[in-house]
C-alpha atoms as a PDB file:
ATOM      1  CA  MET A   1       0.417  -9.956  -7.048  1.00  0.00           C
ATOM      2  CA  LYS A   2      -1.001  -7.099  -9.134  1.00  0.00           C
ATOM      3  CA  THR A   3      -4.391  -8.869  -9.332  1.00  0.00           C
ATOM      4  CA  GLN A   4      -4.408  -9.251  -5.565  1.00  0.00           C
ATOM      5  CA  PHE A   5      -3.415  -5.586  -5.186  1.00  0.00           C
ATOM      6  CA  LYS A   6      -6.292  -4.491  -7.440  1.00  0.00           C
ATOM      7  CA  ALA A   7      -8.781  -6.657  -5.534  1.00  0.00           C
ATOM      8  CA  GLN A   8      -7.640  -5.213  -2.212  1.00  0.00           C
ATOM      9  CA  LEU A   9      -7.814  -1.706  -3.644  1.00  0.00           C
ATOM     10  CA  LYS A  10     -11.349  -2.289  -4.971  1.00  0.00           C
ATOM     11  CA  SER A  11     -12.469  -3.578  -1.577  1.00  0.00           C
ATOM     12  CA  LYS A  12     -10.861  -0.617   0.159  1.00  0.00           C
ATOM     13  CA  ASN A  13     -12.559   1.824  -2.209  1.00  0.00           C
ATOM     14  CA  LYS A  14     -15.976   0.281  -1.501  1.00  0.00           C
ATOM     15  CA  LEU A  15     -15.372   0.645   2.230  1.00  0.00           C
ATOM     16  CA  VAL A  16     -14.355   4.287   1.864  1.00  0.00           C
ATOM     17  CA  ILE A  17     -17.490   5.014  -0.186  1.00  0.00           C
ATOM     18  CA  PHE A  18     -19.692   3.324   2.409  1.00  0.00           C
ATOM     19  CA  LEU A  19     -18.147   5.230   5.295  1.00  0.00           C
ATOM     20  CA  LEU A  20     -18.473   8.537   3.509  1.00  0.00           C
ATOM     21  CA  LEU A  21     -22.098   7.869   2.571  1.00  0.00           C
ATOM     22  CA  PHE A  22     -22.933   6.759   6.088  1.00  0.00           C
ATOM     23  CA  SER A  23     -21.364   9.828   7.652  1.00  0.00           C
ATOM     24  CA  LEU A  24     -23.190  12.077   5.196  1.00  0.00           C
ATOM     25  CA  ILE A  25     -26.504  10.593   6.280  1.00  0.00           C
ATOM     26  CA  LEU A  26     -25.618  11.239   9.914  1.00  0.00           C
ATOM     27  CA  ALA A  27     -24.483  14.806   9.331  1.00  0.00           C
ATOM     28  CA  SER A  28     -27.059  17.151  10.850  1.00  0.00           C
ATOM     29  CA  CYS A  29     -25.946  20.164   8.852  1.00  0.00           C
ATOM     30  CA  ALA A  30     -24.463  19.505   5.423  1.00  0.00           C
ATOM     31  CA  LYS A  31     -22.036  22.083   4.096  1.00  0.00           C
ATOM     32  CA  GLN A  32     -21.358  23.056   0.494  1.00  0.00           C
ATOM     33  CA  GLY A  33     -18.334  20.799   0.339  1.00  0.00           C
ATOM     34  CA  ASP A  34     -20.446  17.864   1.500  1.00  0.00           C
ATOM     35  CA  VAL A  35     -22.700  18.332  -1.526  1.00  0.00           C
ATOM     36  CA  THR A  36     -19.631  18.333  -3.778  1.00  0.00           C
ATOM     37  CA  ILE A  37     -18.382  15.141  -2.139  1.00  0.00           C
ATOM     38  CA  ARG A  38     -21.763  13.500  -2.713  1.00  0.00           C
ATOM     39  CA  GLU A  39     -21.529  14.454  -6.391  1.00  0.00           C
ATOM     40  CA  ALA A  40     -17.980  13.093  -6.500  1.00  0.00           C
ATOM     41  CA  MET A  41     -19.078   9.756  -5.071  1.00  0.00           C
ATOM     42  CA  GLU A  42     -21.878   9.520  -7.606  1.00  0.00           C
ATOM     43  CA  ALA A  43     -19.381  10.192 -10.400  1.00  0.00           C
ATOM     44  CA  TYR A  44     -17.126   7.497  -8.966  1.00  0.00           C
ATOM     45  CA  ARG A  45     -20.046   5.052  -8.834  1.00  0.00           C
ATOM     46  CA  ARG A  46     -20.542   5.665 -12.555  1.00  0.00           C
ATOM     47  CA  GLN A  47     -16.802   5.026 -13.034  1.00  0.00           C
ATOM     48  CA  ASN A  48     -16.371   8.589 -14.244  1.00  0.00           C
ATOM     49  CA  TYR A  49     -13.023   8.912 -12.526  1.00  0.00           C
ATOM     50  CA  GLU A  50     -12.027  12.191 -14.128  1.00  0.00           C
ATOM     51  CA  ASP A  51     -15.122  13.984 -12.851  1.00  0.00           C
ATOM     52  CA  ALA A  52     -14.871  12.261  -9.470  1.00  0.00           C
ATOM     53  CA  ALA A  53     -11.283  13.413  -8.984  1.00  0.00           C
ATOM     54  CA  SER A  54     -12.147  16.937 -10.147  1.00  0.00           C
ATOM     55  CA  LEU A  55     -15.055  17.186  -7.710  1.00  0.00           C
ATOM     56  CA  PHE A  56     -13.028  15.884  -4.783  1.00  0.00           C
ATOM     57  CA  LYS A  57     -10.317  18.414  -5.592  1.00  0.00           C
ATOM     58  CA  ARG A  58     -12.941  21.153  -5.616  1.00  0.00           C
ATOM     59  CA  ALA A  59     -14.163  19.985  -2.209  1.00  0.00           C
ATOM     60  CA  LEU A  60     -10.671  20.607  -0.839  1.00  0.00           C
ATOM     61  CA  SER A  61     -11.260  24.353  -1.254  1.00  0.00           C
ATOM     62  CA  GLU A  62     -14.834  24.320   0.073  1.00  0.00           C
ATOM     63  CA  ASP A  63     -16.303  24.277   3.570  1.00  0.00           C
ATOM     64  CA  THR A  64     -16.982  20.644   4.450  1.00  0.00           C
ATOM     65  CA  ASN A  65     -17.433  18.302   7.384  1.00  0.00           C
ATOM     66  CA  TYR A  66     -14.642  16.104   6.037  1.00  0.00           C
ATOM     67  CA  SER A  67     -10.988  16.502   6.851  1.00  0.00           C
ATOM     68  CA  GLU A  68      -8.477  17.372   4.166  1.00  0.00           C
ATOM     69  CA  GLU A  69      -6.676  14.071   4.683  1.00  0.00           C
ATOM     70  CA  THR A  70      -9.899  12.080   4.174  1.00  0.00           C
ATOM     71  CA  ILE A  71     -10.523  13.778   0.839  1.00  0.00           C
ATOM     72  CA  CYS A  72      -6.877  13.374  -0.205  1.00  0.00           C
ATOM     73  CA  ASN A  73      -7.105   9.678   0.612  1.00  0.00           C
ATOM     74  CA  PHE A  74     -10.074   9.262  -1.688  1.00  0.00           C
ATOM     75  CA  ILE A  75      -8.390  11.176  -4.526  1.00  0.00           C
ATOM     76  CA  ALA A  76      -5.293   8.999  -4.144  1.00  0.00           C
ATOM     77  CA  ASN A  77      -7.430   5.862  -4.388  1.00  0.00           C
ATOM     78  CA  ILE A  78      -9.041   7.135  -7.586  1.00  0.00           C
ATOM     79  CA  TYR A  79      -5.645   7.621  -9.205  1.00  0.00           C
ATOM     80  CA  MET A  80      -4.363   4.252  -7.970  1.00  0.00           C
ATOM     81  CA  ALA A  81      -7.452   2.582  -9.434  1.00  0.00           C
ATOM     82  CA  GLN A  82      -6.370   3.995 -12.800  1.00  0.00           C
ATOM     83  CA  GLY A  83      -2.721   3.024 -12.352  1.00  0.00           C
ATOM     84  CA  ASP A  84      -1.546   6.632 -12.044  1.00  0.00           C
ATOM     85  CA  PHE A  85       0.712   6.089  -9.049  1.00  0.00           C
ATOM     86  CA  ALA A  86       2.684   9.311  -9.488  1.00  0.00           C
ATOM     87  CA  GLU A  87      -0.439  11.467  -9.217  1.00  0.00           C
ATOM     88  CA  ALA A  88      -1.748   9.323  -6.361  1.00  0.00           C
ATOM     89  CA  ASN A  89       1.432  10.075  -4.440  1.00  0.00           C
ATOM     90  CA  VAL A  90       0.827  13.815  -4.723  1.00  0.00           C
ATOM     91  CA  TYR A  91      -2.262  13.359  -2.563  1.00  0.00           C
ATOM     92  CA  ILE A  92      -0.759  10.734  -0.262  1.00  0.00           C
ATOM     93  CA  GLU A  93       2.070  13.170   0.477  1.00  0.00           C
ATOM     94  CA  ARG A  94      -0.510  15.880   1.139  1.00  0.00           C
ATOM     95  CA  PHE A  95      -2.353  13.488   3.466  1.00  0.00           C
ATOM     96  CA  LEU A  96       0.877  12.782   5.338  1.00  0.00           C
ATOM     97  CA  GLU A  97       1.537  16.499   5.817  1.00  0.00           C
ATOM     98  CA  LYS A  98      -1.612  16.537   7.945  1.00  0.00           C
ATOM     99  CA  LYS A  99      -1.403  13.151   9.611  1.00  0.00           C
ATOM    100  CA  SER A 100       1.296  10.506  10.105  1.00  0.00           C
ATOM    101  CA  ASP A 101      -0.056   7.108   9.106  1.00  0.00           C
ATOM    102  CA  TYR A 102       1.797   3.795   8.862  1.00  0.00           C
ATOM    103  CA  ARG A 103      -0.281   2.202   6.114  1.00  0.00           C
ATOM    104  CA  MET A 104      -0.253   5.336   3.984  1.00  0.00           C
ATOM    105  CA  LEU A 105       3.539   5.449   4.219  1.00  0.00           C
ATOM    106  CA  VAL A 106       3.753   1.816   3.104  1.00  0.00           C
ATOM    107  CA  GLN A 107       1.382   2.544   0.217  1.00  0.00           C
ATOM    108  CA  LEU A 108       3.451   5.589  -0.707  1.00  0.00           C
ATOM    109  CA  GLY A 109       6.522   3.365  -0.910  1.00  0.00           C
ATOM    110  CA  ARG A 110       4.763   0.801  -3.067  1.00  0.00           C
ATOM    111  CA  ASN A 111       3.603   3.509  -5.446  1.00  0.00           C
ATOM    112  CA  TYR A 112       7.118   4.883  -5.738  1.00  0.00           C
ATOM    113  CA  LYS A 113       8.351   1.368  -6.481  1.00  0.00           C
ATOM    114  CA  GLU A 114       5.707   1.041  -9.207  1.00  0.00           C
ATOM    115  CA  ILE A 115       7.028   4.142 -10.963  1.00  0.00           C
ATOM    116  CA  GLY A 116      10.658   3.061 -10.548  1.00  0.00           C
ATOM    117  CA  ASP A 117      11.753   5.496  -7.850  1.00  0.00           C
ATOM    118  CA  ASN A 118      13.359   2.974  -5.516  1.00  0.00           C
ATOM    119  CA  LYS A 119      15.132   5.629  -3.470  1.00  0.00           C
ATOM    120  CA  LYS A 120      11.891   7.322  -2.460  1.00  0.00           C
ATOM    121  CA  ALA A 121      10.256   3.926  -1.991  1.00  0.00           C
ATOM    122  CA  ALA A 122      12.935   2.961   0.533  1.00  0.00           C
ATOM    123  CA  GLU A 123      12.619   6.333   2.263  1.00  0.00           C
ATOM    124  CA  SER A 124       8.864   5.809   2.627  1.00  0.00           C
ATOM    125  CA  TYR A 125       9.271   2.299   4.043  1.00  0.00           C
ATOM    126  CA  ASN A 126      11.867   3.544   6.517  1.00  0.00           C
ATOM    127  CA  ARG A 127       9.538   6.364   7.584  1.00  0.00           C
ATOM    128  CA  ALA A 128       6.864   3.744   8.249  1.00  0.00           C
ATOM    129  CA  ILE A 129       9.311   1.630  10.261  1.00  0.00           C
ATOM    130  CA  SER A 130      10.294   4.669  12.323  1.00  0.00           C
ATOM    131  CA  LEU A 131       6.627   5.377  12.987  1.00  0.00           C
ATOM    132  CA  ASN A 132       5.922   1.801  14.099  1.00  0.00           C
ATOM    133  CA  PRO A 133       8.902  -0.574  14.345  1.00  0.00           C
ATOM    134  CA  LYS A 134       6.690  -3.389  15.669  1.00  0.00           C
ATOM    135  CA  LYS A 135       4.779  -4.004  12.428  1.00  0.00           C
ATOM    136  CA  GLY A 136       6.017  -6.276   9.673  1.00  0.00           C
ATOM    137  CA  GLU A 137       4.537  -4.796   6.490  1.00  0.00           C
ATOM    138  CA  ALA A 138       7.126  -2.060   5.938  1.00  0.00           C
ATOM    139  CA  TYR A 139      10.029  -4.413   6.711  1.00  0.00           C
ATOM    140  CA  ALA A 140       8.612  -6.903   4.187  1.00  0.00           C
ATOM    141  CA  SER A 141       8.196  -4.257   1.494  1.00  0.00           C
ATOM    142  CA  LEU A 142      11.682  -2.886   2.094  1.00  0.00           C
ATOM    143  CA  GLY A 143      13.176  -6.384   2.000  1.00  0.00           C
ATOM    144  CA  SER A 144      11.443  -7.147  -1.288  1.00  0.00           C
ATOM    145  CA  LEU A 145      12.789  -3.907  -2.751  1.00  0.00           C
ATOM    146  CA  GLN A 146      16.306  -4.775  -1.578  1.00  0.00           C
ATOM    147  CA  ILE A 147      16.134  -8.177  -3.294  1.00  0.00           C
ATOM    148  CA  ALA A 148      15.327  -6.393  -6.552  1.00  0.00           C
ATOM    149  CA  GLU A 149      18.298  -4.087  -6.006  1.00  0.00           C
ATOM    150  CA  GLY A 150      20.689  -6.950  -5.231  1.00  0.00           C
ATOM    151  CA  ASP A 151      21.246  -6.005  -1.588  1.00  0.00           C
ATOM    152  CA  PHE A 152      20.587  -9.508  -0.323  1.00  0.00           C
ATOM    153  CA  SER A 153      22.111  -9.217   3.158  1.00  0.00           C
ATOM    154  CA  SER A 154      19.944  -6.189   3.989  1.00  0.00           C
ATOM    155  CA  ALA A 155      16.947  -7.982   2.487  1.00  0.00           C
ATOM    156  CA  VAL A 156      17.525 -10.947   4.800  1.00  0.00           C
ATOM    157  CA  GLU A 157      17.655  -8.717   7.868  1.00  0.00           C
ATOM    158  CA  ASN A 158      14.473  -6.824   7.009  1.00  0.00           C
ATOM    159  CA  LEU A 159      12.534  -9.900   5.958  1.00  0.00           C
ATOM    160  CA  LYS A 160      13.563 -11.693   9.166  1.00  0.00           C
ATOM    161  CA  LYS A 161      12.063  -8.787  11.105  1.00  0.00           C
ATOM    162  CA  ALA A 162       8.944  -8.926   8.944  1.00  0.00           C
ATOM    163  CA  ALA A 163       8.588 -12.659   9.656  1.00  0.00           C
ATOM    164  CA  GLU A 164       9.063 -12.028  13.359  1.00  0.00           C
ATOM    165  CA  PHE A 165       6.127  -9.596  13.465  1.00  0.00           C
ATOM    166  CA  GLU A 166       3.990 -11.367  10.819  1.00  0.00           C
ATOM    167  CA  PRO A 167       4.875 -15.065  11.134  1.00  0.00           C
ATOM    168  CA  LYS A 168       1.754 -16.347   9.362  1.00  0.00           C
ATOM    169  CA  ILE A 169       2.157 -14.459   6.075  1.00  0.00           C
ATOM    170  CA  ALA A 170       3.445 -16.955   3.533  1.00  0.00           C
ATOM    171  CA  VAL A 171       4.842 -14.487   1.001  1.00  0.00           C
ATOM    172  CA  ILE A 172       7.183 -13.006   3.611  1.00  0.00           C
ATOM    173  CA  HIS A 173       8.749 -16.427   4.189  1.00  0.00           C
ATOM    174  CA  ALA A 174       8.956 -17.025   0.446  1.00  0.00           C
ATOM    175  CA  ASN A 175      10.767 -13.732  -0.104  1.00  0.00           C
ATOM    176  CA  LEU A 176      13.038 -14.442   2.846  1.00  0.00           C
ATOM    177  CA  ALA A 177      13.870 -17.794   1.257  1.00  0.00           C
ATOM    178  CA  VAL A 178      14.809 -15.993  -1.969  1.00  0.00           C
ATOM    179  CA  ALA A 179      16.997 -13.527  -0.050  1.00  0.00           C
ATOM    180  CA  TYR A 180      18.747 -16.343   1.823  1.00  0.00           C
ATOM    181  CA  ALA A 181      19.353 -18.297  -1.372  1.00  0.00           C
ATOM    182  CA  LEU A 182      20.753 -15.334  -3.282  1.00  0.00           C
ATOM    183  CA  SER A 183      23.032 -14.502  -0.369  1.00  0.00           C
ATOM    184  CA  GLY A 184      24.394 -18.063  -0.457  1.00  0.00           C
ATOM    185  CA  ASP A 185      22.559 -19.615   2.523  1.00  0.00           C
ATOM    186  CA  LYS A 186      20.720 -22.485   0.820  1.00  0.00           C
ATOM    187  CA  ASP A 187      19.900 -24.353   4.053  1.00  0.00           C
ATOM    188  CA  SER A 188      18.059 -21.382   5.575  1.00  0.00           C
ATOM    189  CA  ALA A 189      16.360 -20.845   2.229  1.00  0.00           C
ATOM    190  CA  GLU A 190      14.986 -24.394   2.289  1.00  0.00           C
ATOM    191  CA  ASP A 191      13.710 -23.882   5.839  1.00  0.00           C
ATOM    192  CA  GLU A 192      11.827 -20.775   4.761  1.00  0.00           C
ATOM    193  CA  PHE A 193      10.462 -22.463   1.646  1.00  0.00           C
ATOM    194  CA  ARG A 194       9.088 -25.250   3.841  1.00  0.00           C
ATOM    195  CA  THR A 195       7.396 -22.687   6.074  1.00  0.00           C
ATOM    196  CA  ALA A 196       5.986 -20.863   3.045  1.00  0.00           C
ATOM    197  CA  LYS A 197       4.607 -24.157   1.719  1.00  0.00           C
ATOM    198  CA  GLU A 198       2.996 -24.986   5.071  1.00  0.00           C
ATOM    199  CA  LEU A 199       1.339 -21.559   4.974  1.00  0.00           C
ATOM    200  CA  LYS A 200       0.053 -22.374   1.456  1.00  0.00           C
ATOM    201  CA  CYS A 201       2.060 -19.755  -0.412  1.00  0.00           C
ATOM    202  CA  GLU A 202       0.727 -19.085  -3.900  1.00  0.00           C
ATOM    203  CA  ASN A 203       3.129 -19.381  -6.855  1.00  0.00           C
ATOM    204  CA  LEU A 204       5.790 -20.982  -4.681  1.00  0.00           C
ATOM    205  CA  GLU A 205       7.583 -22.356  -7.731  1.00  0.00           C
ATOM    206  CA  GLU A 206       8.056 -18.812  -9.029  1.00  0.00           C
ATOM    207  CA  PHE A 207       9.871 -17.924  -5.821  1.00  0.00           C
ATOM    208  CA  ARG A 208      12.023 -21.068  -6.188  1.00  0.00           C
ATOM    209  CA  ASP A 209      12.891 -20.038  -9.729  1.00  0.00           C
ATOM    210  CA  ARG A 210      13.960 -16.591  -8.504  1.00  0.00           C
ATOM    211  CA  ALA A 211      16.086 -18.272  -5.854  1.00  0.00           C
ATOM    212  CA  GLY A 212      17.644 -20.653  -8.384  1.00  0.00           C
ATOM    213  CA  MET A 213      16.470 -23.657  -6.375  1.00  0.00           C
END
């Protein structure tokens, strides 16, 4: 899961860099902060993350064509790339002060889970659910957290909602199977394991081991 997370993060970072570079080219009148951002991106390209983060932070206090939340998003990604989830959350929280965003709230929750703050992780997932109760990602993340905490009945309810909104995501069904099994409903667990297998869930045996099946 962590390898997949890093791959997704790397892909996301490349996209952010491309969009920023493209918008810089289009900008008819670059401001001082835009120059700083260009320097920050060059530092990031060289994998000099410390300088990149420092330059982006400097851009926050300069006149620029970029919004504060855009810059905060990039700083957060730099820290996540280094595994510093606590510092990343400082800038995700700052982003969210300016703009409510479902995916950023889910990422905030995952980062809190990484550093062991399950209470804040759950709060972040619930904020995401309140913002958009028709998406499955936050329900799935909350359900997974609740399995880890031993709250299996709540995990079942949230993972069922996640599966309702994202029926083709194998890992959701696998986690739901684990939640069912640990809550004592082995038949429903087997049904979900079959669905997860049909959807070609990776590491399915690991989920079965967690479920004791």
